[in-house]
Amino acid sequence: MASAYWFPAPLPADFPCRVALRCARLVGLAYALYQQWSDAGKPPAARMRFRPVALGRIVLADPFWRTLTYRKPRPRGPKATGPRFQTMVEHTPAGACAESGKILYMVFRGTIGNAEKITNFMAGKEDAVFDDLPGGGVHRGFLRCYATVRESILDFLEARAGRDKTIRIAGYSLGGALASLAAMDVATSWLPYRKLEVFTFASPRTGSVKWAEHYDRQRQSSWRIANKQDPVAKVPFKFLGYRHVGVPLRFAALSGLAAHSLDNAYLPVLRAAAHPHRPTPQAKAASRSRNSVSVAAATR
């Protein structure tokens, strides 16, 4: 298992902190695409027209979609007949791919819909067909989620990958687990690439000890940013045979569900590490408050 590092320092010399911050912000853009769809009344994919969202020259415009089904109890009266459950289908924008220069991006958002919440609890293991590891075992629910977007992602990569290209994968929460599965898929495939970089934030454990060891042997740089206080980063539990992957970079901030927040827990730590001499929003607010007090005192 890789040695753990703690924010703010010292971090590994080869950890690209500003790239990690950029990837975390891209996850926020993936959520923005979902919000556009939700604000439009959640129309079918064929009728949805997205407004591109951008971070510098990186533009996310055409998300990949995830289709999941689950069973929901039907409302029943005392004389109800027929099936007790109805099958529900969720078809939602789950993330996006983008090309910027020689870098290919894959970005996965976290859990939102009911079907995604249900898959999080499918903690049994099954083999991934793509990882070249018989008996490896990954989280059944995470694998189910990844399987629904895999074709779209591979179509994007097959059309653009090359030995001069970097493939950069980012994911938050459930998306962190899917980013790990995508990275294994790419690393064990025939796809050519110059570098494979993976950045996960608040990721749960994805696979077994055997699978995690196989993952860490692949030709890639994988960084796992995790809040010690974040409950999502602690599941599925180790006693169920699960292990994390990648080089862990940890910090401690907030508590409970607030510790899982991308905006309030993860992004502030990454910003402070990427720009150590830049005042934080809290410091700016405190400075404005002190200046206001000084001006008020001077006018008395």
C-alpha atoms as a PDB file:
ATOM      1  CA  MET A   1       0.000   0.000   0.000  1.00  0.00           C
ATOM      2  CA  ALA A   2       1.276   3.480  -0.873  1.00  0.00           C
ATOM      3  CA  SER A   3       2.447   5.783   1.907  1.00  0.00           C
ATOM      4  CA  ALA A   4      -0.115   8.347   3.059  1.00  0.00           C
ATOM      5  CA  TYR A   5       0.516  12.071   2.836  1.00  0.00           C
ATOM      6  CA  TRP A   6      -1.291  14.877   4.619  1.00  0.00           C
ATOM      7  CA  PHE A   7      -2.275  18.345   3.485  1.00  0.00           C
ATOM      8  CA  PRO A   8      -0.927  20.983   3.520  1.00  0.00           C
ATOM      9  CA  ALA A   9       2.658  19.661   3.408  1.00  0.00           C
ATOM     10  CA  PRO A  10       4.916  18.022   2.672  1.00  0.00           C
ATOM     11  CA  LEU A  11       3.175  16.481  -0.317  1.00  0.00           C
ATOM     12  CA  PRO A  12       4.850  14.170  -2.864  1.00  0.00           C
ATOM     13  CA  ALA A  13       7.193  16.060  -5.159  1.00  0.00           C
ATOM     14  CA  ASP A  14       5.428  14.673  -8.236  1.00  0.00           C
ATOM     15  CA  PHE A  15       1.879  15.497  -7.068  1.00  0.00           C
ATOM     16  CA  PRO A  16       0.446  18.120  -9.476  1.00  0.00           C
ATOM     17  CA  CYS A  17      -1.621  20.068  -6.983  1.00  0.00           C
ATOM     18  CA  ARG A  18      -2.951  22.636  -9.449  1.00  0.00           C
ATOM     19  CA  VAL A  19      -4.008  19.871 -11.831  1.00  0.00           C
ATOM     20  CA  ALA A  20      -5.846  18.177  -8.954  1.00  0.00           C
ATOM     21  CA  LEU A  21      -7.635  21.439  -8.194  1.00  0.00           C
ATOM     22  CA  ARG A  22      -8.578  21.814 -11.855  1.00  0.00           C
ATOM     23  CA  CYS A  23      -9.986  18.277 -11.892  1.00  0.00           C
ATOM     24  CA  ALA A  24     -12.046  18.919  -8.762  1.00  0.00           C
ATOM     25  CA  ARG A  25     -13.471  22.044 -10.383  1.00  0.00           C
ATOM     26  CA  LEU A  26     -14.317  20.025 -13.498  1.00  0.00           C
ATOM     27  CA  VAL A  27     -16.386  17.718 -11.315  1.00  0.00           C
ATOM     28  CA  GLY A  28     -18.326  20.820 -10.321  1.00  0.00           C
ATOM     29  CA  LEU A  29     -18.989  21.484 -14.012  1.00  0.00           C
ATOM     30  CA  ALA A  30     -20.297  17.930 -14.425  1.00  0.00           C
ATOM     31  CA  TYR A  31     -22.795  18.730 -11.677  1.00  0.00           C
ATOM     32  CA  ALA A  32     -23.669  21.948 -13.541  1.00  0.00           C
ATOM     33  CA  LEU A  33     -24.622  19.908 -16.611  1.00  0.00           C
ATOM     34  CA  TYR A  34     -26.862  17.726 -14.473  1.00  0.00           C
ATOM     35  CA  GLN A  35     -28.450  20.860 -13.003  1.00  0.00           C
ATOM     36  CA  GLN A  36     -29.187  22.194 -16.493  1.00  0.00           C
ATOM     37  CA  TRP A  37     -31.039  18.975 -17.275  1.00  0.00           C
ATOM     38  CA  SER A  38     -32.919  19.081 -13.972  1.00  0.00           C
ATOM     39  CA  ASP A  39     -33.891  22.750 -14.470  1.00  0.00           C
ATOM     40  CA  ALA A  40     -35.199  21.871 -17.951  1.00  0.00           C
ATOM     41  CA  GLY A  41     -37.619  19.366 -16.411  1.00  0.00           C
ATOM     42  CA  LYS A  42     -35.436  16.251 -16.959  1.00  0.00           C
ATOM     43  CA  PRO A  43     -36.334  15.683 -20.624  1.00  0.00           C
ATOM     44  CA  PRO A  44     -35.181  12.606 -22.586  1.00  0.00           C
ATOM     45  CA  ALA A  45     -31.579  12.783 -23.766  1.00  0.00           C
ATOM     46  CA  ALA A  46     -32.623  13.252 -27.414  1.00  0.00           C
ATOM     47  CA  ARG A  47     -34.543  16.435 -26.540  1.00  0.00           C
ATOM     48  CA  MET A  48     -32.022  18.004 -24.160  1.00  0.00           C
ATOM     49  CA  ARG A  49     -29.794  20.795 -25.430  1.00  0.00           C
ATOM     50  CA  PHE A  50     -26.975  21.629 -23.070  1.00  0.00           C
ATOM     51  CA  ARG A  51     -25.190  24.958 -22.756  1.00  0.00           C
ATOM     52  CA  PRO A  52     -21.432  24.276 -22.752  1.00  0.00           C
ATOM     53  CA  VAL A  53     -19.662  24.873 -19.447  1.00  0.00           C
ATOM     54  CA  ALA A  54     -15.961  25.659 -19.410  1.00  0.00           C
ATOM     55  CA  LEU A  55     -12.921  25.904 -17.203  1.00  0.00           C
ATOM     56  CA  GLY A  56     -10.388  27.851 -19.231  1.00  0.00           C
ATOM     57  CA  ARG A  57      -9.991  25.961 -22.493  1.00  0.00           C
ATOM     58  CA  ILE A  58     -11.591  22.781 -21.152  1.00  0.00           C
ATOM     59  CA  VAL A  59     -15.199  22.640 -22.353  1.00  0.00           C
ATOM     60  CA  LEU A  60     -17.811  20.132 -21.175  1.00  0.00           C
ATOM     61  CA  ALA A  61     -20.766  20.176 -23.532  1.00  0.00           C
ATOM     62  CA  ASP A  62     -22.123  16.713 -24.303  1.00  0.00           C
ATOM     63  CA  PRO A  63     -22.422  14.515 -21.202  1.00  0.00           C
ATOM     64  CA  PHE A  64     -22.467  10.741 -21.196  1.00  0.00           C
ATOM     65  CA  TRP A  65     -25.644   9.214 -19.785  1.00  0.00           C
ATOM     66  CA  ARG A  66     -26.183   6.516 -17.184  1.00  0.00           C
ATOM     67  CA  THR A  67     -29.235   4.232 -17.290  1.00  0.00           C
ATOM     68  CA  LEU A  68     -30.142   2.392 -14.104  1.00  0.00           C
ATOM     69  CA  THR A  69     -33.286   0.550 -13.024  1.00  0.00           C
ATOM     70  CA  TYR A  70     -34.703  -0.215  -9.611  1.00  0.00           C
ATOM     71  CA  ARG A  71     -37.931  -1.529  -8.128  1.00  0.00           C
ATOM     72  CA  LYS A  72     -40.256   0.749  -6.178  1.00  0.00           C
ATOM     73  CA  PRO A  73     -43.249  -0.409  -4.078  1.00  0.00           C
ATOM     74  CA  ARG A  74     -46.590   0.463  -5.633  1.00  0.00           C
ATOM     75  CA  PRO A  75     -49.140   2.388  -3.546  1.00  0.00           C
ATOM     76  CA  ARG A  76     -51.609  -0.255  -2.363  1.00  0.00           C
ATOM     77  CA  GLY A  77     -55.053  -0.100  -0.843  1.00  0.00           C
ATOM     78  CA  PRO A  78     -56.723  -2.842   1.196  1.00  0.00           C
ATOM     79  CA  LYS A  79     -58.120  -4.537  -1.948  1.00  0.00           C
ATOM     80  CA  ALA A  80     -55.165  -3.934  -4.239  1.00  0.00           C
ATOM     81  CA  THR A  81     -54.221  -6.620  -6.730  1.00  0.00           C
ATOM     82  CA  GLY A  82     -51.410  -6.994  -9.224  1.00  0.00           C
ATOM     83  CA  PRO A  83     -47.659  -6.587  -8.845  1.00  0.00           C
ATOM     84  CA  ARG A  84     -46.449  -5.120  -5.561  1.00  0.00           C
ATOM     85  CA  PHE A  85     -43.508  -3.358  -7.233  1.00  0.00           C
ATOM     86  CA  GLN A  86     -43.001  -1.233 -10.313  1.00  0.00           C
ATOM     87  CA  THR A  87     -39.776  -0.945 -12.272  1.00  0.00           C
ATOM     88  CA  MET A  88     -38.337   2.554 -12.358  1.00  0.00           C
ATOM     89  CA  VAL A  89     -35.772   3.684 -14.956  1.00  0.00           C
ATOM     90  CA  GLU A  90     -33.349   6.556 -14.369  1.00  0.00           C
ATOM     91  CA  HIS A  91     -31.506   7.916 -17.408  1.00  0.00           C
ATOM     92  CA  THR A  92     -29.301  10.765 -16.195  1.00  0.00           C
ATOM     93  CA  PRO A  93     -26.227  12.754 -17.322  1.00  0.00           C
ATOM     94  CA  ALA A  94     -23.432  11.188 -15.288  1.00  0.00           C
ATOM     95  CA  GLY A  95     -20.346  13.099 -16.385  1.00  0.00           C
ATOM     96  CA  ALA A  96     -18.580  14.269 -19.500  1.00  0.00           C
ATOM     97  CA  CYS A  97     -15.520  13.848 -21.683  1.00  0.00           C
ATOM     98  CA  ALA A  98     -13.466  16.660 -23.169  1.00  0.00           C
ATOM     99  CA  GLU A  99     -10.361  17.214 -25.271  1.00  0.00           C
ATOM    100  CA  SER A 100      -8.001  20.076 -24.583  1.00  0.00           C
ATOM    101  CA  GLY A 101      -4.774  20.061 -26.578  1.00  0.00           C
ATOM    102  CA  LYS A 102      -2.990  16.776 -25.904  1.00  0.00           C
ATOM    103  CA  ILE A 103      -5.126  15.917 -22.874  1.00  0.00           C
ATOM    104  CA  LEU A 104      -8.278  13.784 -22.900  1.00  0.00           C
ATOM    105  CA  TYR A 105     -10.524  14.262 -19.878  1.00  0.00           C
ATOM    106  CA  MET A 106     -13.115  11.958 -18.337  1.00  0.00           C
ATOM    107  CA  VAL A 107     -15.076  13.469 -15.450  1.00  0.00           C
ATOM    108  CA  PHE A 108     -17.557  11.627 -13.213  1.00  0.00           C
ATOM    109  CA  ARG A 109     -19.971  13.311 -10.818  1.00  0.00           C
ATOM    110  CA  GLY A 110     -21.206  11.729  -7.579  1.00  0.00           C
ATOM    111  CA  THR A 111     -24.487  10.240  -6.406  1.00  0.00           C
ATOM    112  CA  ILE A 112     -27.767  12.089  -6.982  1.00  0.00           C
ATOM    113  CA  GLY A 113     -30.628   9.837  -8.140  1.00  0.00           C
ATOM    114  CA  ASN A 114     -32.449   7.084  -6.246  1.00  0.00           C
ATOM    115  CA  ALA A 115     -31.058   4.324  -8.458  1.00  0.00           C
ATOM    116  CA  GLU A 116     -27.503   5.552  -7.824  1.00  0.00           C
ATOM    117  CA  LYS A 117     -28.150   5.559  -4.073  1.00  0.00           C
ATOM    118  CA  ILE A 118     -29.370   1.973  -4.278  1.00  0.00           C
ATOM    119  CA  THR A 119     -26.330   0.798  -6.238  1.00  0.00           C
ATOM    120  CA  ASN A 120     -24.083   2.234  -3.521  1.00  0.00           C
ATOM    121  CA  PHE A 121     -25.419  -0.442  -1.190  1.00  0.00           C
ATOM    122  CA  MET A 122     -24.856  -3.355  -3.591  1.00  0.00           C
ATOM    123  CA  ALA A 123     -21.703  -4.302  -1.706  1.00  0.00           C
ATOM    124  CA  GLY A 124     -21.286  -7.813  -3.096  1.00  0.00           C
ATOM    125  CA  LYS A 125     -18.307  -8.351  -5.411  1.00  0.00           C
ATOM    126  CA  GLU A 126     -18.143  -9.555  -8.980  1.00  0.00           C
ATOM    127  CA  ASP A 127     -15.444  -9.700 -11.621  1.00  0.00           C
ATOM    128  CA  ALA A 128     -15.039  -6.896 -14.121  1.00  0.00           C
ATOM    129  CA  VAL A 129     -14.815  -8.295 -17.643  1.00  0.00           C
ATOM    130  CA  PHE A 130     -12.156  -5.782 -18.689  1.00  0.00           C
ATOM    131  CA  ASP A 131      -9.505  -5.886 -15.961  1.00  0.00           C
ATOM    132  CA  ASP A 132      -7.590  -9.035 -17.004  1.00  0.00           C
ATOM    133  CA  LEU A 133      -7.868 -10.351 -13.427  1.00  0.00           C
ATOM    134  CA  PRO A 134      -9.885 -13.539 -12.861  1.00  0.00           C
ATOM    135  CA  GLY A 135     -11.304 -13.609  -9.354  1.00  0.00           C
ATOM    136  CA  GLY A 136     -10.424  -9.975  -8.715  1.00  0.00           C
ATOM    137  CA  GLY A 137     -13.749  -8.710  -7.500  1.00  0.00           C
ATOM    138  CA  VAL A 138     -15.116  -5.161  -7.529  1.00  0.00           C
ATOM    139  CA  HIS A 139     -18.169  -3.580  -5.918  1.00  0.00           C
ATOM    140  CA  ARG A 140     -21.198  -4.888  -7.799  1.00  0.00           C
ATOM    141  CA  GLY A 141     -23.124  -1.619  -7.666  1.00  0.00           C
ATOM    142  CA  PHE A 142     -20.191   0.507  -8.848  1.00  0.00           C
ATOM    143  CA  LEU A 143     -19.515  -1.934 -11.681  1.00  0.00           C
ATOM    144  CA  ARG A 144     -23.172  -1.772 -12.684  1.00  0.00           C
ATOM    145  CA  CYS A 145     -22.964   2.032 -12.858  1.00  0.00           C
ATOM    146  CA  TYR A 146     -19.757   1.988 -14.883  1.00  0.00           C
ATOM    147  CA  ALA A 147     -21.101  -0.591 -17.335  1.00  0.00           C
ATOM    148  CA  THR A 148     -23.849   1.810 -18.420  1.00  0.00           C
ATOM    149  CA  VAL A 149     -21.380   4.544 -19.454  1.00  0.00           C
ATOM    150  CA  ARG A 150     -18.473   2.388 -20.620  1.00  0.00           C
ATOM    151  CA  GLU A 151     -19.417   2.299 -24.304  1.00  0.00           C
ATOM    152  CA  SER A 152     -19.708   6.096 -24.545  1.00  0.00           C
ATOM    153  CA  ILE A 153     -16.362   6.601 -22.827  1.00  0.00           C
ATOM    154  CA  LEU A 154     -14.517   4.051 -24.955  1.00  0.00           C
ATOM    155  CA  ASP A 155     -16.009   5.502 -28.149  1.00  0.00           C
ATOM    156  CA  PHE A 156     -14.622   8.908 -27.137  1.00  0.00           C
ATOM    157  CA  LEU A 157     -11.166   7.499 -26.342  1.00  0.00           C
ATOM    158  CA  GLU A 158     -10.897   5.219 -29.365  1.00  0.00           C
ATOM    159  CA  ALA A 159     -11.509   8.206 -31.650  1.00  0.00           C
ATOM    160  CA  ARG A 160      -8.836  10.381 -30.000  1.00  0.00           C
ATOM    161  CA  ALA A 161      -6.277   8.338 -28.022  1.00  0.00           C
ATOM    162  CA  GLY A 162      -2.665   8.252 -29.174  1.00  0.00           C
ATOM    163  CA  ARG A 163       0.842   7.767 -27.890  1.00  0.00           C
ATOM    164  CA  ASP A 164       1.209  11.536 -27.613  1.00  0.00           C
ATOM    165  CA  LYS A 165      -1.963  11.965 -25.531  1.00  0.00           C
ATOM    166  CA  THR A 166      -2.468  12.109 -21.766  1.00  0.00           C
ATOM    167  CA  ILE A 167      -5.674  10.551 -20.469  1.00  0.00           C
ATOM    168  CA  ARG A 168      -6.804  12.323 -17.302  1.00  0.00           C
ATOM    169  CA  ILE A 169      -9.668  10.869 -15.254  1.00  0.00           C
ATOM    170  CA  ALA A 170     -11.403  12.592 -12.346  1.00  0.00           C
ATOM    171  CA  GLY A 171     -14.281  11.597 -10.101  1.00  0.00           C
ATOM    172  CA  TYR A 172     -15.936  12.551  -6.844  1.00  0.00           C
ATOM    173  CA  SER A 173     -17.726  10.226  -4.385  1.00  0.00           C
ATOM    174  CA  LEU A 174     -19.439   7.483  -6.446  1.00  0.00           C
ATOM    175  CA  GLY A 175     -17.683   9.105  -9.403  1.00  0.00           C
ATOM    176  CA  GLY A 176     -14.344   8.411  -7.708  1.00  0.00           C
ATOM    177  CA  ALA A 177     -15.078   4.692  -7.750  1.00  0.00           C
ATOM    178  CA  LEU A 178     -16.137   4.924 -11.404  1.00  0.00           C
ATOM    179  CA  ALA A 179     -12.947   6.852 -12.215  1.00  0.00           C
ATOM    180  CA  SER A 180     -10.926   3.989 -10.709  1.00  0.00           C
ATOM    181  CA  LEU A 181     -12.832   1.431 -12.782  1.00  0.00           C
ATOM    182  CA  ALA A 182     -12.333   3.531 -15.918  1.00  0.00           C
ATOM    183  CA  ALA A 183      -8.614   3.835 -15.186  1.00  0.00           C
ATOM    184  CA  MET A 184      -8.269   0.063 -14.843  1.00  0.00           C
ATOM    185  CA  ASP A 185     -10.249  -0.350 -18.057  1.00  0.00           C
ATOM    186  CA  VAL A 186      -7.897   1.975 -19.936  1.00  0.00           C
ATOM    187  CA  ALA A 187      -4.706   0.629 -18.368  1.00  0.00           C
ATOM    188  CA  THR A 188      -5.490  -2.992 -19.253  1.00  0.00           C
ATOM    189  CA  SER A 189      -6.777  -2.211 -22.760  1.00  0.00           C
ATOM    190  CA  TRP A 190      -5.037  -1.784 -26.103  1.00  0.00           C
ATOM    191  CA  LEU A 191      -5.596   1.985 -26.059  1.00  0.00           C
ATOM    192  CA  PRO A 192      -2.359   3.946 -26.619  1.00  0.00           C
ATOM    193  CA  TYR A 193      -1.473   6.831 -24.320  1.00  0.00           C
ATOM    194  CA  ARG A 194       1.517   8.803 -23.123  1.00  0.00           C
ATOM    195  CA  LYS A 195       0.343   9.146 -19.534  1.00  0.00           C
ATOM    196  CA  LEU A 196      -2.686   8.016 -17.554  1.00  0.00           C
ATOM    197  CA  GLU A 197      -3.544  10.289 -14.607  1.00  0.00           C
ATOM    198  CA  VAL A 198      -6.303   9.658 -12.072  1.00  0.00           C
ATOM    199  CA  PHE A 199      -7.636  12.067  -9.436  1.00  0.00           C
ATOM    200  CA  THR A 200     -10.362  10.909  -7.071  1.00  0.00           C
ATOM    201  CA  PHE A 201     -12.042  12.937  -4.348  1.00  0.00           C
ATOM    202  CA  ALA A 202     -14.032  11.395  -1.478  1.00  0.00           C
ATOM    203  CA  SER A 203     -13.942   8.032  -3.224  1.00  0.00           C
ATOM    204  CA  PRO A 204     -15.300   4.924  -1.521  1.00  0.00           C
ATOM    205  CA  ARG A 205     -13.327   1.678  -1.716  1.00  0.00           C
ATOM    206  CA  THR A 206     -13.864   0.077  -5.113  1.00  0.00           C
ATOM    207  CA  GLY A 207     -12.532  -3.472  -5.098  1.00  0.00           C
ATOM    208  CA  SER A 208     -10.911  -6.335  -3.257  1.00  0.00           C
ATOM    209  CA  VAL A 209      -7.347  -6.509  -1.947  1.00  0.00           C
ATOM    210  CA  LYS A 210      -6.360  -8.494  -5.047  1.00  0.00           C
ATOM    211  CA  TRP A 211      -7.998  -5.965  -7.354  1.00  0.00           C
ATOM    212  CA  ALA A 212      -6.437  -2.988  -5.547  1.00  0.00           C
ATOM    213  CA  GLU A 213      -2.958  -4.514  -5.814  1.00  0.00           C
ATOM    214  CA  HIS A 214      -3.512  -5.181  -9.521  1.00  0.00           C
ATOM    215  CA  TYR A 215      -4.686  -1.593 -10.005  1.00  0.00           C
ATOM    216  CA  ASP A 216      -1.626  -0.118  -8.294  1.00  0.00           C
ATOM    217  CA  ARG A 217       0.668  -2.135 -10.594  1.00  0.00           C
ATOM    218  CA  GLN A 218      -0.703  -0.498 -13.749  1.00  0.00           C
ATOM    219  CA  ARG A 219       1.079   2.193 -15.770  1.00  0.00           C
ATOM    220  CA  GLN A 220      -0.653   5.225 -14.312  1.00  0.00           C
ATOM    221  CA  SER A 221      -0.408   7.965 -11.692  1.00  0.00           C
ATOM    222  CA  SER A 222      -3.342   7.712  -9.327  1.00  0.00           C
ATOM    223  CA  TRP A 223      -4.023  10.194  -6.521  1.00  0.00           C
ATOM    224  CA  ARG A 224      -6.762   9.706  -3.934  1.00  0.00           C
ATOM    225  CA  ILE A 225      -7.680  12.896  -2.056  1.00  0.00           C
ATOM    226  CA  ALA A 226      -9.700  12.032   1.053  1.00  0.00           C
ATOM    227  CA  ASN A 227     -11.020  13.835   4.114  1.00  0.00           C
ATOM    228  CA  LYS A 228     -10.344  11.838   7.269  1.00  0.00           C
ATOM    229  CA  GLN A 229     -13.732  13.002   8.584  1.00  0.00           C
ATOM    230  CA  ASP A 230     -15.628  11.952   5.435  1.00  0.00           C
ATOM    231  CA  PRO A 231     -17.863   8.910   6.070  1.00  0.00           C
ATOM    232  CA  VAL A 232     -18.104   8.055   2.353  1.00  0.00           C
ATOM    233  CA  ALA A 233     -14.330   7.568   2.094  1.00  0.00           C
ATOM    234  CA  LYS A 234     -14.553   4.872   4.794  1.00  0.00           C
ATOM    235  CA  VAL A 235     -16.924   2.504   2.982  1.00  0.00           C
ATOM    236  CA  PRO A 236     -17.344  -0.280   1.969  1.00  0.00           C
ATOM    237  CA  PHE A 237     -15.653  -1.463   5.154  1.00  0.00           C
ATOM    238  CA  LYS A 238     -12.293  -3.190   5.152  1.00  0.00           C
ATOM    239  CA  PHE A 239     -13.716  -6.202   7.015  1.00  0.00           C
ATOM    240  CA  LEU A 240     -15.802  -6.880   3.886  1.00  0.00           C
ATOM    241  CA  GLY A 241     -12.562  -7.341   1.959  1.00  0.00           C
ATOM    242  CA  TYR A 242     -12.385  -3.930   0.249  1.00  0.00           C
ATOM    243  CA  ARG A 243      -9.304  -1.739  -0.171  1.00  0.00           C
ATOM    244  CA  HIS A 244      -8.561   1.729  -1.519  1.00  0.00           C
ATOM    245  CA  VAL A 245      -6.369   2.356  -4.568  1.00  0.00           C
ATOM    246  CA  GLY A 246      -3.901   5.063  -5.492  1.00  0.00           C
ATOM    247  CA  VAL A 247      -1.619   7.286  -3.435  1.00  0.00           C
ATOM    248  CA  PRO A 248      -3.599   8.700  -0.481  1.00  0.00           C
ATOM    249  CA  LEU A 249      -3.450  12.424   0.244  1.00  0.00           C
ATOM    250  CA  ARG A 250      -5.452  13.202   3.360  1.00  0.00           C
ATOM    251  CA  PHE A 251      -6.725  16.119   5.357  1.00  0.00           C
ATOM    252  CA  ALA A 252      -9.178  16.668   8.209  1.00  0.00           C
ATOM    253  CA  ALA A 253     -11.978  19.227   7.888  1.00  0.00           C
ATOM    254  CA  LEU A 254     -15.557  19.595   9.135  1.00  0.00           C
ATOM    255  CA  SER A 255     -17.516  16.549  10.332  1.00  0.00           C
ATOM    256  CA  GLY A 256     -20.454  14.359   9.420  1.00  0.00           C
ATOM    257  CA  LEU A 257     -22.035  14.861   6.002  1.00  0.00           C
ATOM    258  CA  ALA A 258     -20.457  18.336   5.757  1.00  0.00           C
ATOM    259  CA  ALA A 259     -17.073  16.609   5.570  1.00  0.00           C
ATOM    260  CA  HIS A 260     -18.172  15.050   2.272  1.00  0.00           C
ATOM    261  CA  SER A 261     -18.910  18.380   0.584  1.00  0.00           C
ATOM    262  CA  LEU A 262     -16.851  19.045  -2.540  1.00  0.00           C
ATOM    263  CA  ASP A 263     -17.386  22.819  -2.260  1.00  0.00           C
ATOM    264  CA  ASN A 264     -16.942  23.244   1.487  1.00  0.00           C
ATOM    265  CA  ALA A 265     -14.406  20.559   2.420  1.00  0.00           C
ATOM    266  CA  TYR A 266     -12.350  19.443  -0.583  1.00  0.00           C
ATOM    267  CA  LEU A 267     -12.016  22.524  -2.781  1.00  0.00           C
ATOM    268  CA  PRO A 268     -10.820  24.880   0.014  1.00  0.00           C
ATOM    269  CA  VAL A 269      -8.012  22.471   0.954  1.00  0.00           C
ATOM    270  CA  LEU A 270      -6.929  22.056  -2.663  1.00  0.00           C
ATOM    271  CA  ARG A 271      -7.025  25.813  -3.293  1.00  0.00           C
ATOM    272  CA  ALA A 272      -4.899  26.495  -0.224  1.00  0.00           C
ATOM    273  CA  ALA A 273      -2.351  23.878  -1.290  1.00  0.00           C
ATOM    274  CA  ALA A 274      -2.267  24.989  -4.937  1.00  0.00           C
ATOM    275  CA  HIS A 275      -1.992  28.693  -4.060  1.00  0.00           C
ATOM    276  CA  PRO A 276      -0.359  28.815  -0.610  1.00  0.00           C
ATOM    277  CA  HIS A 277       0.308  32.572  -0.743  1.00  0.00           C
ATOM    278  CA  ARG A 278      -3.165  33.547  -1.888  1.00  0.00           C
ATOM    279  CA  PRO A 279      -5.553  34.702   0.890  1.00  0.00           C
ATOM    280  CA  THR A 280      -8.427  32.310   1.540  1.00  0.00           C
ATOM    281  CA  PRO A 281     -12.042  33.554   1.310  1.00  0.00           C
ATOM    282  CA  GLN A 282     -12.197  33.379   5.114  1.00  0.00           C
ATOM    283  CA  ALA A 283      -9.087  35.531   5.435  1.00  0.00           C
ATOM    284  CA  LYS A 284     -10.468  38.055   2.928  1.00  0.00           C
ATOM    285  CA  ALA A 285     -13.756  38.246   4.857  1.00  0.00           C
ATOM    286  CA  ALA A 286     -11.885  38.766   8.120  1.00  0.00           C
ATOM    287  CA  SER A 287      -9.771  41.508   6.505  1.00  0.00           C
ATOM    288  CA  ARG A 288     -12.871  43.279   5.185  1.00  0.00           C
ATOM    289  CA  SER A 289     -14.418  43.088   8.631  1.00  0.00           C
ATOM    290  CA  ARG A 290     -11.338  44.602  10.271  1.00  0.00           C
ATOM    291  CA  ASN A 291     -11.228  47.378   7.657  1.00  0.00           C
ATOM    292  CA  SER A 292     -14.898  48.158   8.240  1.00  0.00           C
ATOM    293  CA  VAL A 293     -14.283  48.435  11.966  1.00  0.00           C
ATOM    294  CA  SER A 294     -11.277  50.692  11.358  1.00  0.00           C
ATOM    295  CA  VAL A 295     -13.246  53.001   9.043  1.00  0.00           C
ATOM    296  CA  ALA A 296     -16.128  53.181  11.509  1.00  0.00           C
ATOM    297  CA  ALA A 297     -13.752  54.064  14.328  1.00  0.00           C
ATOM    298  CA  ALA A 298     -12.027  56.729  12.229  1.00  0.00           C
ATOM    299  CA  THR A 299     -15.313  58.469  11.422  1.00  0.00           C
ATOM    300  CA  ARG A 300     -16.428  58.766  15.016  1.00  0.00           C
END
